[in-house]
């Protein structure tokens, strides 16, 4: 399972370089496409699908948390304060 976790993490990190997130209904099909046909029976074990989903969700959560932190820091910066004042002025 450890090798699978590593492979799934590398896959999702590279996937997220191009797109943020993947709808849950598409993930099982992606998992079956990643494994050669002669070896793809393992994915029927719910533990692997759960791990694949869990790694996706953990990375999404990390991206969301980091983006929120960056946004809050920017809003507290002089540029963010200026933006806030200008936004309020134009409302």
PDB file of N, CA and C in Angstrom:
ATOM      1  N   UNK A   1       0.827  -1.200   0.000  1.00  0.00           N
ATOM      2  CA  UNK A   1       0.000   0.000   0.000  1.00  0.00           C
ATOM      3  C   UNK A   1       0.871   1.263   0.000  1.00  0.00           C
ATOM      4  N   UNK A   2       2.045   1.193   0.619  1.00  0.00           N
ATOM      5  CA  UNK A   2       2.902   2.380   0.679  1.00  0.00           C
ATOM      6  C   UNK A   2       3.329   2.842  -0.718  1.00  0.00           C
ATOM      7  N   UNK A   3       3.668   1.890  -1.594  1.00  0.00           N
ATOM      8  CA  UNK A   3       4.019   2.241  -2.973  1.00  0.00           C
ATOM      9  C   UNK A   3       2.838   2.893  -3.678  1.00  0.00           C
ATOM     10  N   UNK A   4       1.646   2.364  -3.434  1.00  0.00           N
ATOM     11  CA  UNK A   4       0.448   2.940  -4.043  1.00  0.00           C
ATOM     12  C   UNK A   4       0.219   4.364  -3.544  1.00  0.00           C
ATOM     13  N   UNK A   5       0.407   4.594  -2.235  1.00  0.00           N
ATOM     14  CA  UNK A   5       0.231   5.939  -1.679  1.00  0.00           C
ATOM     15  C   UNK A   5       1.195   6.924  -2.334  1.00  0.00           C
ATOM     16  N   UNK A   6       2.430   6.503  -2.510  1.00  0.00           N
ATOM     17  CA  UNK A   6       3.422   7.368  -3.154  1.00  0.00           C
ATOM     18  C   UNK A   6       3.024   7.668  -4.592  1.00  0.00           C
ATOM     19  N   UNK A   7       2.648   6.634  -5.329  1.00  0.00           N
ATOM     20  CA  UNK A   7       2.248   6.823  -6.726  1.00  0.00           C
ATOM     21  C   UNK A   7       1.013   7.717  -6.833  1.00  0.00           C
ATOM     22  N   UNK A   8       0.040   7.513  -5.956  1.00  0.00           N
ATOM     23  CA  UNK A   8      -1.180   8.327  -5.987  1.00  0.00           C
ATOM     24  C   UNK A   8      -0.870   9.781  -5.635  1.00  0.00           C
ATOM     25  N   UNK A   9       0.028   9.987  -4.690  1.00  0.00           N
ATOM     26  CA  UNK A   9       0.409  11.362  -4.318  1.00  0.00           C
ATOM     27  C   UNK A   9       1.091  12.059  -5.485  1.00  0.00           C
ATOM     28  N   UNK A  10       2.029  11.385  -6.131  1.00  0.00           N
ATOM     29  CA  UNK A  10       2.706  11.962  -7.292  1.00  0.00           C
ATOM     30  C   UNK A  10       1.694  12.242  -8.400  1.00  0.00           C
ATOM     31  N   UNK A  11       0.776  11.311  -8.633  1.00  0.00           N
ATOM     32  CA  UNK A  11      -0.238  11.527  -9.665  1.00  0.00           C
ATOM     33  C   UNK A  11      -1.064  12.774  -9.366  1.00  0.00           C
ATOM     34  N   UNK A  12      -1.624  12.868  -8.135  1.00  0.00           N
ATOM     35  CA  UNK A  12      -2.500  13.992  -7.832  1.00  0.00           C
ATOM     36  C   UNK A  12      -1.741  15.317  -7.832  1.00  0.00           C
ATOM     37  N   UNK A  13      -0.498  15.327  -7.373  1.00  0.00           N
ATOM     38  CA  UNK A  13       0.270  16.574  -7.413  1.00  0.00           C
ATOM     39  C   UNK A  13       0.493  17.030  -8.847  1.00  0.00           C
ATOM     40  N   UNK A  14       0.796  16.100  -9.735  1.00  0.00           N
ATOM     41  CA  UNK A  14       0.979  16.486 -11.133  1.00  0.00           C
ATOM     42  C   UNK A  14      -0.359  16.862 -11.779  1.00  0.00           C
ATOM     43  N   UNK A  15      -1.424  16.186 -11.410  1.00  0.00           N
ATOM     44  CA  UNK A  15      -2.760  16.519 -11.910  1.00  0.00           C
ATOM     45  C   UNK A  15      -3.130  17.945 -11.492  1.00  0.00           C
ATOM     46  N   UNK A  16      -2.853  18.277 -10.231  1.00  0.00           N
ATOM     47  CA  UNK A  16      -3.207  19.599  -9.715  1.00  0.00           C
ATOM     48  C   UNK A  16      -2.345  20.715 -10.294  1.00  0.00           C
ATOM     49  N   UNK A  17      -1.224  20.368 -10.899  1.00  0.00           N
ATOM     50  CA  UNK A  17      -0.414  21.392 -11.568  1.00  0.00           C
ATOM     51  C   UNK A  17      -1.187  21.982 -12.742  1.00  0.00           C
ATOM     52  N   UNK A  18      -2.096  21.211 -13.295  1.00  0.00           N
ATOM     53  CA  UNK A  18      -2.887  21.639 -14.442  1.00  0.00           C
ATOM     54  C   UNK A  18      -4.314  22.025 -14.067  1.00  0.00           C
ATOM     55  N   UNK A  19      -4.857  21.388 -13.074  1.00  0.00           N
ATOM     56  CA  UNK A  19      -6.260  21.594 -12.711  1.00  0.00           C
ATOM     57  C   UNK A  19      -6.423  21.384 -11.214  1.00  0.00           C
ATOM     58  N   UNK A  20      -7.224  22.189 -10.576  1.00  0.00           N
ATOM     59  CA  UNK A  20      -7.464  22.045  -9.142  1.00  0.00           C
ATOM     60  C   UNK A  20      -8.690  21.177  -8.909  1.00  0.00           C
ATOM     61  N   UNK A  21      -8.464  20.011  -8.386  1.00  0.00           N
ATOM     62  CA  UNK A  21      -9.565  19.133  -8.028  1.00  0.00           C
ATOM     63  C   UNK A  21     -10.093  18.323  -9.190  1.00  0.00           C
ATOM     64  N   UNK A  22     -10.781  17.273  -8.830  1.00  0.00           N
ATOM     65  CA  UNK A  22     -11.405  16.377  -9.806  1.00  0.00           C
ATOM     66  C   UNK A  22     -12.720  15.915  -9.198  1.00  0.00           C
ATOM     67  N   UNK A  23     -13.814  16.018  -9.930  1.00  0.00           N
ATOM     68  CA  UNK A  23     -15.101  15.574  -9.384  1.00  0.00           C
ATOM     69  C   UNK A  23     -15.037  14.121  -8.915  1.00  0.00           C
ATOM     70  N   UNK A  24     -15.666  13.849  -7.804  1.00  0.00           N
ATOM     71  CA  UNK A  24     -15.635  12.514  -7.200  1.00  0.00           C
ATOM     72  C   UNK A  24     -16.123  11.435  -8.161  1.00  0.00           C
ATOM     73  N   UNK A  25     -17.096  11.750  -8.991  1.00  0.00           N
ATOM     74  CA  UNK A  25     -17.640  10.728  -9.886  1.00  0.00           C
ATOM     75  C   UNK A  25     -16.649  10.313 -10.975  1.00  0.00           C
ATOM     76  N   UNK A  26     -15.615  11.133 -11.252  1.00  0.00           N
ATOM     77  CA  UNK A  26     -14.634  10.796 -12.276  1.00  0.00           C
ATOM     78  C   UNK A  26     -13.428  10.039 -11.719  1.00  0.00           C
ATOM     79  N   UNK A  27     -13.215  10.098 -10.427  1.00  0.00           N
ATOM     80  CA  UNK A  27     -11.997   9.517  -9.838  1.00  0.00           C
ATOM     81  C   UNK A  27     -11.886   8.010 -10.009  1.00  0.00           C
ATOM     82  N   UNK A  28     -12.953   7.214  -9.840  1.00  0.00           N
ATOM     83  CA  UNK A  28     -12.790   5.766 -10.056  1.00  0.00           C
ATOM     84  C   UNK A  28     -12.333   5.429 -11.474  1.00  0.00           C
ATOM     85  N   UNK A  29     -12.852   6.129 -12.467  1.00  0.00           N
ATOM     86  CA  UNK A  29     -12.438   5.879 -13.850  1.00  0.00           C
ATOM     87  C   UNK A  29     -10.978   6.250 -14.063  1.00  0.00           C
ATOM     88  N   UNK A  30     -10.542   7.331 -13.436  1.00  0.00           N
ATOM     89  CA  UNK A  30      -9.134   7.726 -13.545  1.00  0.00           C
ATOM     90  C   UNK A  30      -8.247   6.654 -12.939  1.00  0.00           C
ATOM     91  N   UNK A  31      -8.641   6.163 -11.772  1.00  0.00           N
ATOM     92  CA  UNK A  31      -7.856   5.125 -11.103  1.00  0.00           C
ATOM     93  C   UNK A  31      -7.704   3.896 -12.000  1.00  0.00           C
ATOM     94  N   UNK A  32      -8.777   3.467 -12.641  1.00  0.00           N
ATOM     95  CA  UNK A  32      -8.688   2.274 -13.494  1.00  0.00           C
ATOM     96  C   UNK A  32      -7.823   2.536 -14.727  1.00  0.00           C
ATOM     97  N   UNK A  33      -7.764   3.779 -15.202  1.00  0.00           N
ATOM     98  CA  UNK A  33      -6.933   4.101 -16.360  1.00  0.00           C
ATOM     99  C   UNK A  33      -5.450   4.172 -16.016  1.00  0.00           C
ATOM    100  N   UNK A  34      -5.136   4.417 -14.777  1.00  0.00           N
ATOM    101  CA  UNK A  34      -3.740   4.555 -14.380  1.00  0.00           C
ATOM    102  C   UNK A  34      -3.005   3.234 -14.253  1.00  0.00           C
ATOM    103  N   UNK A  35      -3.747   2.160 -14.143  1.00  0.00           N
ATOM    104  CA  UNK A  35      -3.152   0.847 -13.902  1.00  0.00           C
ATOM    105  C   UNK A  35      -3.232   0.019 -15.179  1.00  0.00           C
ATOM    106  N   UNK A  36      -2.134  -0.653 -15.554  1.00  0.00           N
ATOM    107  CA  UNK A  36      -2.187  -1.491 -16.762  1.00  0.00           C
ATOM    108  C   UNK A  36      -3.319  -2.520 -16.671  1.00  0.00           C
ATOM    109  N   UNK A  37      -3.978  -2.825 -17.779  1.00  0.00           N
ATOM    110  CA  UNK A  37      -5.134  -3.741 -17.754  1.00  0.00           C
ATOM    111  C   UNK A  37      -4.845  -5.089 -17.087  1.00  0.00           C
ATOM    112  N   UNK A  38      -3.659  -5.612 -17.267  1.00  0.00           N
ATOM    113  CA  UNK A  38      -3.359  -6.916 -16.682  1.00  0.00           C
ATOM    114  C   UNK A  38      -3.183  -6.858 -15.162  1.00  0.00           C
ATOM    115  N   UNK A  39      -3.076  -5.641 -14.609  1.00  0.00           N
ATOM    116  CA  UNK A  39      -2.884  -5.506 -13.173  1.00  0.00           C
ATOM    117  C   UNK A  39      -3.996  -4.705 -12.501  1.00  0.00           C
ATOM    118  N   UNK A  40      -5.048  -4.409 -13.212  1.00  0.00           N
ATOM    119  CA  UNK A  40      -6.031  -3.462 -12.672  1.00  0.00           C
ATOM    120  C   UNK A  40      -7.101  -4.077 -11.781  1.00  0.00           C
ATOM    121  N   UNK A  41      -6.948  -5.288 -11.364  1.00  0.00           N
ATOM    122  CA  UNK A  41      -7.953  -5.882 -10.477  1.00  0.00           C
ATOM    123  C   UNK A  41      -7.840  -5.356  -9.044  1.00  0.00           C
ATOM    124  N   UNK A  42      -6.678  -4.848  -8.665  1.00  0.00           N
ATOM    125  CA  UNK A  42      -6.501  -4.385  -7.294  1.00  0.00           C
ATOM    126  C   UNK A  42      -7.455  -3.249  -6.931  1.00  0.00           C
ATOM    127  N   UNK A  43      -7.802  -2.412  -7.921  1.00  0.00           N
ATOM    128  CA  UNK A  43      -8.626  -1.244  -7.617  1.00  0.00           C
ATOM    129  C   UNK A  43     -10.003  -1.621  -7.103  1.00  0.00           C
ATOM    130  N   UNK A  44     -10.390  -2.863  -7.282  1.00  0.00           N
ATOM    131  CA  UNK A  44     -11.699  -3.302  -6.772  1.00  0.00           C
ATOM    132  C   UNK A  44     -11.697  -3.412  -5.251  1.00  0.00           C
ATOM    133  N   UNK A  45     -10.507  -3.432  -4.662  1.00  0.00           N
ATOM    134  CA  UNK A  45     -10.382  -3.430  -3.205  1.00  0.00           C
ATOM    135  C   UNK A  45     -10.699  -2.007  -2.733  1.00  0.00           C
ATOM    136  N   UNK A  46     -11.736  -1.839  -1.919  1.00  0.00           N
ATOM    137  CA  UNK A  46     -12.136  -0.499  -1.486  1.00  0.00           C
ATOM    138  C   UNK A  46     -11.021   0.280  -0.786  1.00  0.00           C
ATOM    139  N   UNK A  47     -10.079  -0.418  -0.191  1.00  0.00           N
ATOM    140  CA  UNK A  47      -8.989   0.276   0.503  1.00  0.00           C
ATOM    141  C   UNK A  47      -8.185   1.145  -0.463  1.00  0.00           C
ATOM    142  N   UNK A  48      -7.955   0.650  -1.677  1.00  0.00           N
ATOM    143  CA  UNK A  48      -7.189   1.424  -2.653  1.00  0.00           C
ATOM    144  C   UNK A  48      -7.976   2.634  -3.157  1.00  0.00           C
ATOM    145  N   UNK A  49      -9.242   2.407  -3.443  1.00  0.00           N
ATOM    146  CA  UNK A  49     -10.059   3.541  -3.898  1.00  0.00           C
ATOM    147  C   UNK A  49     -10.186   4.581  -2.795  1.00  0.00           C
ATOM    148  N   UNK A  50     -10.374   4.139  -1.567  1.00  0.00           N
ATOM    149  CA  UNK A  50     -10.462   5.072  -0.436  1.00  0.00           C
ATOM    150  C   UNK A  50      -9.166   5.859  -0.271  1.00  0.00           C
ATOM    151  N   UNK A  51      -8.041   5.183  -0.438  1.00  0.00           N
ATOM    152  CA  UNK A  51      -6.745   5.861  -0.322  1.00  0.00           C
ATOM    153  C   UNK A  51      -6.570   6.873  -1.445  1.00  0.00           C
ATOM    154  N   UNK A  52      -6.925   6.490  -2.667  1.00  0.00           N
ATOM    155  CA  UNK A  52      -6.842   7.379  -3.827  1.00  0.00           C
ATOM    156  C   UNK A  52      -7.687   8.631  -3.587  1.00  0.00           C
ATOM    157  N   UNK A  53      -8.908   8.434  -3.109  1.00  0.00           N
ATOM    158  CA  UNK A  53      -9.807   9.552  -2.789  1.00  0.00           C
ATOM    159  C   UNK A  53      -9.239  10.404  -1.656  1.00  0.00           C
ATOM    160  N   UNK A  54      -8.736   9.735  -0.625  1.00  0.00           N
ATOM    161  CA  UNK A  54      -8.218  10.451   0.546  1.00  0.00           C
ATOM    162  C   UNK A  54      -7.028  11.329   0.219  1.00  0.00           C
ATOM    163  N   UNK A  55      -6.140  10.828  -0.638  1.00  0.00           N
ATOM    164  CA  UNK A  55      -4.980  11.627  -1.033  1.00  0.00           C
ATOM    165  C   UNK A  55      -5.446  12.842  -1.825  1.00  0.00           C
ATOM    166  N   UNK A  56      -6.381  12.645  -2.743  1.00  0.00           N
ATOM    167  CA  UNK A  56      -6.949  13.774  -3.494  1.00  0.00           C
ATOM    168  C   UNK A  56      -7.508  14.821  -2.530  1.00  0.00           C
ATOM    169  N   UNK A  57      -8.331  14.379  -1.594  1.00  0.00           N
ATOM    170  CA  UNK A  57      -8.990  15.307  -0.678  1.00  0.00           C
ATOM    171  C   UNK A  57      -7.992  16.016   0.237  1.00  0.00           C
ATOM    172  N   UNK A  58      -6.954  15.311   0.673  1.00  0.00           N
ATOM    173  CA  UNK A  58      -5.949  15.927   1.543  1.00  0.00           C
ATOM    174  C   UNK A  58      -5.183  17.018   0.807  1.00  0.00           C
ATOM    175  N   UNK A  59      -4.836  16.761  -0.452  1.00  0.00           N
ATOM    176  CA  UNK A  59      -4.128  17.779  -1.230  1.00  0.00           C
ATOM    177  C   UNK A  59      -5.040  18.969  -1.494  1.00  0.00           C
ATOM    178  N   UNK A  60      -6.309  18.704  -1.823  1.00  0.00           N
ATOM    179  CA  UNK A  60      -7.262  19.807  -2.033  1.00  0.00           C
ATOM    180  C   UNK A  60      -7.401  20.653  -0.781  1.00  0.00           C
ATOM    181  N   UNK A  61      -7.476  20.004   0.358  1.00  0.00           N
ATOM    182  CA  UNK A  61      -7.605  20.724   1.628  1.00  0.00           C
ATOM    183  C   UNK A  61      -6.366  21.590   1.871  1.00  0.00           C
ATOM    184  N   UNK A  62      -5.195  21.040   1.584  1.00  0.00           N
ATOM    185  CA  UNK A  62      -3.957  21.807   1.759  1.00  0.00           C
ATOM    186  C   UNK A  62      -3.930  23.018   0.834  1.00  0.00           C
ATOM    187  N   UNK A  63      -4.284  22.822  -0.461  1.00  0.00           N
ATOM    188  CA  UNK A  63      -4.330  23.947  -1.403  1.00  0.00           C
ATOM    189  C   UNK A  63      -5.294  25.021  -0.914  1.00  0.00           C
ATOM    190  N   UNK A  64      -6.470  24.598  -0.470  1.00  0.00           N
ATOM    191  CA  UNK A  64      -7.477  25.561  -0.013  1.00  0.00           C
ATOM    192  C   UNK A  64      -6.980  26.344   1.192  1.00  0.00           C
ATOM    193  N   UNK A  65      -6.379  25.638   2.138  1.00  0.00           N
ATOM    194  CA  UNK A  65      -5.870  26.290   3.348  1.00  0.00           C
ATOM    195  C   UNK A  65      -4.774  27.291   3.000  1.00  0.00           C
ATOM    196  N   UNK A  66      -3.833  26.888   2.156  1.00  0.00           N
ATOM    197  CA  UNK A  66      -2.737  27.778   1.774  1.00  0.00           C
ATOM    198  C   UNK A  66      -3.245  28.996   1.016  1.00  0.00           C
ATOM    199  N   UNK A  67      -4.189  28.782   0.102  1.00  0.00           N
ATOM    200  CA  UNK A  67      -4.739  29.900  -0.659  1.00  0.00           C
ATOM    201  C   UNK A  67      -5.458  30.874   0.260  1.00  0.00           C
ATOM    202  N   UNK A  68      -6.194  30.362   1.218  1.00  0.00           N
ATOM    203  CA  UNK A  68      -6.888  31.227   2.169  1.00  0.00           C
ATOM    204  C   UNK A  68      -5.884  32.020   3.011  1.00  0.00           C
ATOM    205  N   UNK A  69      -4.801  31.371   3.442  1.00  0.00           N
ATOM    206  CA  UNK A  69      -3.772  32.069   4.215  1.00  0.00           C
ATOM    207  C   UNK A  69      -3.144  33.196   3.396  1.00  0.00           C
ATOM    208  N   UNK A  70      -2.831  32.911   2.131  1.00  0.00           N
ATOM    209  CA  UNK A  70      -2.241  33.932   1.265  1.00  0.00           C
ATOM    210  C   UNK A  70      -3.210  35.084   1.066  1.00  0.00           C
ATOM    211  N   UNK A  71      -4.476  34.785   0.854  1.00  0.00           N
ATOM    212  CA  UNK A  71      -5.479  35.837   0.650  1.00  0.00           C
ATOM    213  C   UNK A  71      -5.612  36.710   1.893  1.00  0.00           C
ATOM    214  N   UNK A  72      -5.631  36.095   3.072  1.00  0.00           N
ATOM    215  CA  UNK A  72      -5.735  36.879   4.302  1.00  0.00           C
ATOM    216  C   UNK A  72      -4.505  37.759   4.513  1.00  0.00           C
ATOM    217  N   UNK A  73      -3.328  37.210   4.219  1.00  0.00           N
ATOM    218  CA  UNK A  73      -2.110  38.028   4.364  1.00  0.00           C
ATOM    219  C   UNK A  73      -2.136  39.197   3.385  1.00  0.00           C
ATOM    220  N   UNK A  74      -2.605  38.946   2.167  1.00  0.00           N
ATOM    221  CA  UNK A  74      -2.678  40.025   1.187  1.00  0.00           C
ATOM    222  C   UNK A  74      -3.680  41.084   1.640  1.00  0.00           C
ATOM    223  N   UNK A  75      -4.826  40.650   2.163  1.00  0.00           N
ATOM    224  CA  UNK A  75      -5.830  41.613   2.617  1.00  0.00           C
ATOM    225  C   UNK A  75      -5.308  42.482   3.759  1.00  0.00           C
ATOM    226  N   UNK A  76      -4.377  41.958   4.534  1.00  0.00           N
ATOM    227  CA  UNK A  76      -3.788  42.731   5.627  1.00  0.00           C
ATOM    228  C   UNK A  76      -2.646  43.626   5.163  1.00  0.00           C
ATOM    229  N   UNK A  77      -2.164  43.434   3.948  1.00  0.00           N
ATOM    230  CA  UNK A  77      -1.050  44.229   3.423  1.00  0.00           C
ATOM    231  C   UNK A  77      -1.554  45.613   3.002  1.00  0.00           C
ATOM    232  N   UNK A  78      -0.628  46.546   2.780  1.00  0.00           N
ATOM    233  CA  UNK A  78      -1.050  47.866   2.287  1.00  0.00           C
ATOM    234  C   UNK A  78      -1.859  47.772   0.989  1.00  0.00           C
ATOM    235  N   UNK A  79      -1.469  46.889   0.080  1.00  0.00           N
ATOM    236  CA  UNK A  79      -2.214  46.737  -1.179  1.00  0.00           C
ATOM    237  C   UNK A  79      -3.621  46.211  -0.909  1.00  0.00           C
ATOM    238  N   UNK A  80      -3.735  45.259   0.003  1.00  0.00           N
ATOM    239  CA  UNK A  80      -5.043  44.717   0.345  1.00  0.00           C
ATOM    240  C   UNK A  80      -5.928  45.749   1.023  1.00  0.00           C
ATOM    241  N   UNK A  81      -5.341  46.538   1.894  1.00  0.00           N
ATOM    242  CA  UNK A  81      -6.109  47.591   2.561  1.00  0.00           C
ATOM    243  C   UNK A  81      -6.589  48.635   1.556  1.00  0.00           C
ATOM    244  N   UNK A  82      -5.710  48.985   0.612  1.00  0.00           N
ATOM    245  CA  UNK A  82      -6.099  49.926  -0.434  1.00  0.00           C
ATOM    246  C   UNK A  82      -7.238  49.348  -1.266  1.00  0.00           C
ATOM    247  N   UNK A  83      -7.127  48.090  -1.644  1.00  0.00           N
ATOM    248  CA  UNK A  83      -8.181  47.425  -2.422  1.00  0.00           C
ATOM    249  C   UNK A  83      -9.502  47.429  -1.659  1.00  0.00           C
ATOM    250  N   UNK A  84      -9.432  47.136  -0.377  1.00  0.00           N
ATOM    251  CA  UNK A  84     -10.648  47.120   0.439  1.00  0.00           C
ATOM    252  C   UNK A  84     -11.300  48.508   0.471  1.00  0.00           C
ATOM    253  N   UNK A  85     -10.494  49.540   0.692  1.00  0.00           N
ATOM    254  CA  UNK A  85     -11.048  50.905   0.716  1.00  0.00           C
ATOM    255  C   UNK A  85     -11.672  51.276  -0.623  1.00  0.00           C
ATOM    256  N   UNK A  86     -10.976  50.955  -1.709  1.00  0.00           N
ATOM    257  CA  UNK A  86     -11.486  51.293  -3.039  1.00  0.00           C
ATOM    258  C   UNK A  86     -12.758  50.501  -3.352  1.00  0.00           C
ATOM    259  N   UNK A  87     -12.792  49.258  -2.972  1.00  0.00           N
ATOM    260  CA  UNK A  87     -13.990  48.440  -3.202  1.00  0.00           C
ATOM    261  C   UNK A  87     -15.183  48.998  -2.457  1.00  0.00           C
ATOM    262  N   UNK A  88     -14.964  49.377  -1.201  1.00  0.00           N
ATOM    263  CA  UNK A  88     -16.042  49.950  -0.402  1.00  0.00           C
ATOM    264  C   UNK A  88     -16.486  51.300  -0.961  1.00  0.00           C
ATOM    265  N   UNK A  89     -15.531  52.061  -1.455  1.00  0.00           N
ATOM    266  CA  UNK A  89     -15.853  53.379  -2.011  1.00  0.00           C
ATOM    267  C   UNK A  89     -16.710  53.260  -3.271  1.00  0.00           C
ATOM    268  N   UNK A  90     -16.506  52.217  -4.039  1.00  0.00           N
ATOM    269  CA  UNK A  90     -17.242  52.053  -5.307  1.00  0.00           C
ATOM    270  C   UNK A  90     -18.555  51.289  -5.156  1.00  0.00           C
ATOM    271  N   UNK A  91     -18.900  50.910  -3.972  1.00  0.00           N
ATOM    272  CA  UNK A  91     -20.161  50.185  -3.777  1.00  0.00           C
ATOM    273  C   UNK A  91     -21.328  51.115  -3.738  1.00  0.00           C
TER     274      UNK A  91
END
